N, C-alpha and C. Protein backbone atom coordinates (compact mmCIF):
# COMPACT_ATOMS: atom_id res chain seq x y z
N MET A 1 -39.26 76.97 -91.47
CA MET A 1 -40.17 77.30 -92.62
C MET A 1 -41.39 76.55 -92.63
N ASP A 2 -42.62 76.91 -92.56
CA ASP A 2 -43.76 76.35 -92.69
C ASP A 2 -44.07 75.51 -93.75
N LYS A 3 -44.83 74.41 -93.93
CA LYS A 3 -45.17 73.59 -95.12
C LYS A 3 -45.75 74.52 -96.35
N GLU A 4 -46.50 75.27 -96.16
CA GLU A 4 -46.96 76.05 -97.19
C GLU A 4 -45.91 76.86 -97.91
N THR A 5 -44.92 77.51 -97.06
CA THR A 5 -43.81 78.35 -97.48
C THR A 5 -42.77 77.63 -98.26
N ALA A 6 -42.50 76.19 -97.62
CA ALA A 6 -41.64 75.34 -98.23
C ALA A 6 -42.01 74.77 -99.69
N ARG A 7 -43.35 74.65 -99.80
CA ARG A 7 -44.06 74.01 -100.94
C ARG A 7 -43.92 75.07 -102.09
N GLN A 8 -44.29 76.43 -101.75
CA GLN A 8 -44.33 77.41 -102.63
C GLN A 8 -42.79 77.57 -103.01
N ARG A 9 -41.92 77.95 -102.06
CA ARG A 9 -40.45 77.74 -102.59
C ARG A 9 -40.05 76.68 -103.47
N HIS A 10 -40.34 75.49 -103.17
CA HIS A 10 -40.31 74.39 -104.31
C HIS A 10 -40.88 74.69 -105.67
N GLU A 11 -42.16 75.24 -105.63
CA GLU A 11 -42.59 75.46 -106.88
C GLU A 11 -41.77 76.52 -107.80
N ASP A 12 -41.43 77.49 -106.87
CA ASP A 12 -40.55 78.58 -107.57
C ASP A 12 -39.20 78.11 -108.12
N LEU A 13 -38.80 77.17 -107.32
CA LEU A 13 -37.29 76.57 -107.74
C LEU A 13 -37.54 75.92 -109.38
N LEU A 14 -38.67 75.12 -109.22
CA LEU A 14 -39.04 74.29 -110.32
C LEU A 14 -39.26 75.28 -111.42
N HIS A 15 -39.92 76.17 -111.38
CA HIS A 15 -40.23 77.33 -112.40
C HIS A 15 -39.01 77.82 -112.98
N ASP A 16 -37.86 78.04 -112.14
CA ASP A 16 -36.67 78.81 -112.52
C ASP A 16 -35.96 77.60 -113.01
N GLY A 17 -36.28 76.47 -113.23
CA GLY A 17 -35.19 75.48 -113.72
C GLY A 17 -34.54 74.68 -113.07
N TRP A 18 -34.62 74.63 -111.65
CA TRP A 18 -34.18 73.81 -110.64
C TRP A 18 -34.70 72.40 -110.89
N VAL A 19 -34.11 71.34 -110.29
CA VAL A 19 -34.50 69.93 -110.41
C VAL A 19 -34.09 69.71 -109.01
N ARG A 20 -35.33 69.11 -108.27
CA ARG A 20 -35.21 68.49 -106.86
C ARG A 20 -34.51 67.19 -107.00
N ARG A 21 -33.62 67.01 -106.25
CA ARG A 21 -32.71 65.56 -106.25
C ARG A 21 -33.25 64.85 -105.19
N PHE A 22 -32.97 65.23 -103.87
CA PHE A 22 -33.29 64.47 -102.85
C PHE A 22 -33.08 65.19 -101.48
N SER A 23 -33.47 64.60 -100.27
CA SER A 23 -33.15 65.18 -99.01
C SER A 23 -32.33 64.41 -98.27
N ALA A 24 -31.32 65.07 -97.32
CA ALA A 24 -30.15 64.30 -96.60
C ALA A 24 -29.70 65.22 -95.74
N GLU A 25 -29.00 64.55 -94.74
CA GLU A 25 -28.26 65.28 -93.68
C GLU A 25 -26.76 65.22 -93.86
N GLU A 26 -26.04 65.98 -93.00
CA GLU A 26 -24.54 65.93 -93.20
C GLU A 26 -24.16 64.49 -92.79
N PRO A 27 -22.88 63.92 -93.36
CA PRO A 27 -22.03 64.69 -94.10
C PRO A 27 -22.61 64.34 -95.78
N ARG A 28 -23.49 63.55 -95.92
CA ARG A 28 -24.09 63.18 -97.33
C ARG A 28 -24.29 64.28 -98.15
N LEU A 29 -24.92 65.30 -97.44
CA LEU A 29 -25.43 66.69 -98.28
C LEU A 29 -24.09 67.40 -98.85
N SER A 30 -23.16 67.58 -98.06
CA SER A 30 -21.98 68.22 -98.72
C SER A 30 -21.23 67.35 -99.78
N GLU A 31 -21.01 66.20 -99.51
CA GLU A 31 -20.52 65.33 -100.40
C GLU A 31 -21.26 65.23 -101.69
N MET A 32 -22.56 65.27 -101.88
CA MET A 32 -23.20 65.45 -102.89
C MET A 32 -23.54 66.65 -103.63
N LYS A 33 -23.29 67.91 -102.70
CA LYS A 33 -23.15 69.09 -103.23
C LYS A 33 -21.75 69.26 -104.10
N GLU A 34 -20.77 68.74 -103.82
CA GLU A 34 -19.40 68.63 -104.27
C GLU A 34 -19.47 68.10 -105.67
N PHE A 35 -20.29 66.87 -105.43
CA PHE A 35 -20.36 65.83 -106.59
C PHE A 35 -21.14 66.60 -107.70
N TYR A 36 -22.13 66.94 -107.46
CA TYR A 36 -22.93 67.89 -108.40
C TYR A 36 -22.28 69.15 -109.08
N GLU A 37 -21.51 69.86 -108.35
CA GLU A 37 -20.66 70.94 -108.74
C GLU A 37 -19.53 70.24 -109.56
N SER A 38 -18.86 69.23 -109.22
CA SER A 38 -18.00 68.76 -110.04
C SER A 38 -18.49 68.37 -111.53
N LEU A 39 -19.75 67.92 -111.62
CA LEU A 39 -20.32 67.96 -113.15
C LEU A 39 -20.75 69.29 -113.80
N GLY A 40 -20.43 70.35 -113.18
CA GLY A 40 -20.66 71.47 -113.55
C GLY A 40 -22.03 72.25 -113.62
N MET A 41 -22.88 71.76 -112.54
CA MET A 41 -24.06 72.00 -112.20
C MET A 41 -24.13 73.07 -111.24
N GLU A 42 -25.09 73.81 -111.17
CA GLU A 42 -25.39 74.95 -110.00
C GLU A 42 -26.10 73.99 -108.96
N VAL A 43 -25.89 74.20 -107.84
CA VAL A 43 -26.47 73.67 -106.62
C VAL A 43 -27.10 74.59 -105.61
N THR A 44 -28.23 74.27 -105.08
CA THR A 44 -28.63 75.04 -103.98
C THR A 44 -29.34 74.20 -102.90
N ILE A 45 -29.04 74.51 -101.72
CA ILE A 45 -29.54 73.54 -100.73
C ILE A 45 -30.73 74.46 -99.84
N GLU A 46 -31.64 73.81 -99.75
CA GLU A 46 -32.98 74.48 -99.34
C GLU A 46 -33.23 73.66 -97.84
N PRO A 47 -34.12 74.19 -96.96
CA PRO A 47 -34.89 73.32 -95.81
C PRO A 47 -35.39 72.35 -96.34
N GLY A 48 -35.16 71.24 -95.61
CA GLY A 48 -35.79 69.85 -95.99
C GLY A 48 -37.37 69.81 -96.32
N MET A 49 -37.63 69.27 -97.33
CA MET A 49 -39.09 69.18 -97.66
C MET A 49 -39.21 67.81 -97.99
N VAL A 50 -40.33 67.22 -97.41
CA VAL A 50 -40.91 65.60 -97.85
C VAL A 50 -41.70 65.95 -99.05
N GLY A 51 -41.36 64.98 -100.28
CA GLY A 51 -42.12 64.93 -101.45
C GLY A 51 -43.37 64.39 -101.00
N GLU A 52 -44.47 64.32 -101.90
CA GLU A 52 -45.73 63.83 -101.68
C GLU A 52 -45.54 62.34 -101.77
N ASP A 53 -44.87 61.75 -102.51
CA ASP A 53 -44.85 60.28 -102.53
C ASP A 53 -44.04 59.65 -101.66
N GLU A 54 -42.99 60.24 -100.73
CA GLU A 54 -42.03 59.75 -99.82
C GLU A 54 -42.83 59.22 -98.48
N GLU A 55 -42.40 57.85 -98.31
CA GLU A 55 -43.10 57.25 -97.25
C GLU A 55 -42.75 57.69 -95.80
N CYS A 56 -41.23 57.77 -95.88
CA CYS A 56 -40.71 58.04 -94.55
C CYS A 56 -40.70 59.44 -94.23
N LYS A 57 -41.58 60.21 -93.20
CA LYS A 57 -41.70 61.26 -92.98
C LYS A 57 -41.08 61.62 -91.56
N SER A 58 -40.90 60.76 -90.71
CA SER A 58 -40.87 60.78 -89.45
C SER A 58 -39.54 61.73 -88.94
N CYS A 59 -38.56 61.55 -89.62
CA CYS A 59 -37.25 62.48 -89.38
C CYS A 59 -37.55 63.96 -89.53
N PHE A 60 -38.26 64.24 -90.71
CA PHE A 60 -38.63 65.83 -90.90
C PHE A 60 -39.69 66.09 -89.86
N GLU A 61 -40.29 65.24 -89.01
CA GLU A 61 -41.25 65.87 -88.16
C GLU A 61 -40.93 65.53 -86.72
N ALA A 62 -39.86 64.66 -86.42
CA ALA A 62 -39.11 64.62 -85.13
C ALA A 62 -38.65 65.98 -84.41
N GLU A 63 -39.16 66.05 -83.16
CA GLU A 63 -38.39 67.34 -82.65
C GLU A 63 -36.81 67.27 -82.57
N GLY A 64 -36.38 68.29 -82.93
CA GLY A 64 -34.83 68.36 -82.98
C GLY A 64 -34.29 68.12 -84.34
N PHE A 65 -34.98 67.38 -84.89
CA PHE A 65 -34.10 66.91 -86.25
C PHE A 65 -34.87 67.77 -87.43
N GLU A 66 -35.82 68.45 -87.30
CA GLU A 66 -36.39 69.38 -88.51
C GLU A 66 -35.61 70.26 -89.17
N ASP A 67 -34.62 70.65 -88.47
CA ASP A 67 -33.46 71.38 -89.26
C ASP A 67 -32.32 70.66 -89.64
N ARG A 68 -32.26 69.52 -89.44
CA ARG A 68 -30.78 68.79 -89.82
C ARG A 68 -31.13 68.51 -91.19
N TYR A 69 -32.19 67.91 -91.72
CA TYR A 69 -32.33 67.54 -93.25
C TYR A 69 -32.51 68.73 -94.24
N LYS A 70 -31.85 68.73 -95.21
CA LYS A 70 -32.03 69.63 -96.38
C LYS A 70 -32.26 69.13 -97.57
N THR A 71 -32.75 69.80 -98.63
CA THR A 71 -33.00 69.35 -100.20
C THR A 71 -32.17 69.91 -101.00
N ILE A 72 -31.59 69.16 -101.46
CA ILE A 72 -30.67 69.42 -102.85
C ILE A 72 -31.33 69.73 -104.20
N TYR A 73 -31.30 70.77 -104.80
CA TYR A 73 -31.74 71.13 -106.08
C TYR A 73 -30.42 71.61 -106.86
N THR A 74 -30.62 71.05 -108.22
CA THR A 74 -29.62 71.48 -109.11
C THR A 74 -30.16 71.90 -110.30
N ARG A 75 -29.41 72.45 -111.10
CA ARG A 75 -29.54 72.88 -112.65
C ARG A 75 -28.28 73.03 -113.15
N GLN A 76 -28.38 72.86 -114.74
CA GLN A 76 -27.42 72.79 -115.56
C GLN A 76 -26.71 74.27 -115.44
N GLY A 77 -25.37 74.15 -115.15
CA GLY A 77 -24.53 75.40 -115.03
C GLY A 77 -24.43 76.16 -116.33
N GLN A 78 -23.80 77.25 -116.49
CA GLN A 78 -23.67 77.87 -117.52
C GLN A 78 -22.94 77.15 -118.62
N GLY A 79 -23.37 77.19 -119.83
CA GLY A 79 -22.71 76.53 -120.93
C GLY A 79 -23.13 75.18 -121.15
N GLY A 80 -24.15 74.49 -120.15
CA GLY A 80 -24.26 73.09 -120.17
C GLY A 80 -25.02 72.69 -121.31
N GLN A 81 -25.41 71.43 -121.74
CA GLN A 81 -26.05 71.15 -122.76
C GLN A 81 -27.52 70.45 -122.47
N SER A 82 -27.67 69.93 -121.27
CA SER A 82 -28.80 69.15 -120.92
C SER A 82 -29.87 70.18 -120.12
N GLY A 83 -30.98 69.75 -120.26
CA GLY A 83 -32.03 70.57 -119.71
C GLY A 83 -32.33 70.15 -118.05
N PRO A 84 -33.24 71.07 -117.44
CA PRO A 84 -33.56 70.75 -116.18
C PRO A 84 -34.18 69.46 -115.89
N GLU A 85 -34.78 68.92 -116.78
CA GLU A 85 -35.65 67.73 -116.71
C GLU A 85 -34.86 66.50 -116.64
N GLU A 86 -33.43 66.66 -117.08
CA GLU A 86 -32.70 65.45 -116.86
C GLU A 86 -32.48 65.04 -115.60
N ASP A 87 -32.44 63.58 -115.33
CA ASP A 87 -32.22 62.92 -114.07
C ASP A 87 -31.13 62.27 -114.04
N LEU A 88 -29.91 62.25 -113.52
CA LEU A 88 -28.76 61.56 -113.41
C LEU A 88 -29.03 59.94 -113.22
N PHE A 89 -30.08 59.81 -112.30
CA PHE A 89 -30.21 58.35 -111.95
C PHE A 89 -31.54 57.58 -112.60
N GLU A 90 -31.90 58.18 -113.39
CA GLU A 90 -32.83 57.54 -114.18
C GLU A 90 -32.64 56.93 -115.55
């Protein structure tokens, strides 16, 4: 996925109530997906995208690594009380 398409997908997800959490590779990716789901949240995993403020971009740009990193987005599951702007780590 090119950078412009990834950025548009990110904007679409935010518009639909998703919150970008972080980017990671396996096994952390699956562990955190299970964790967020255990909290009753919906989880989607998208191709990795570096945020504007992230300093380290080399893993996303290194040949052979571009598909290893994915970005986790969450939103409150059905019946949940908190809004999409809530961040578990703030």
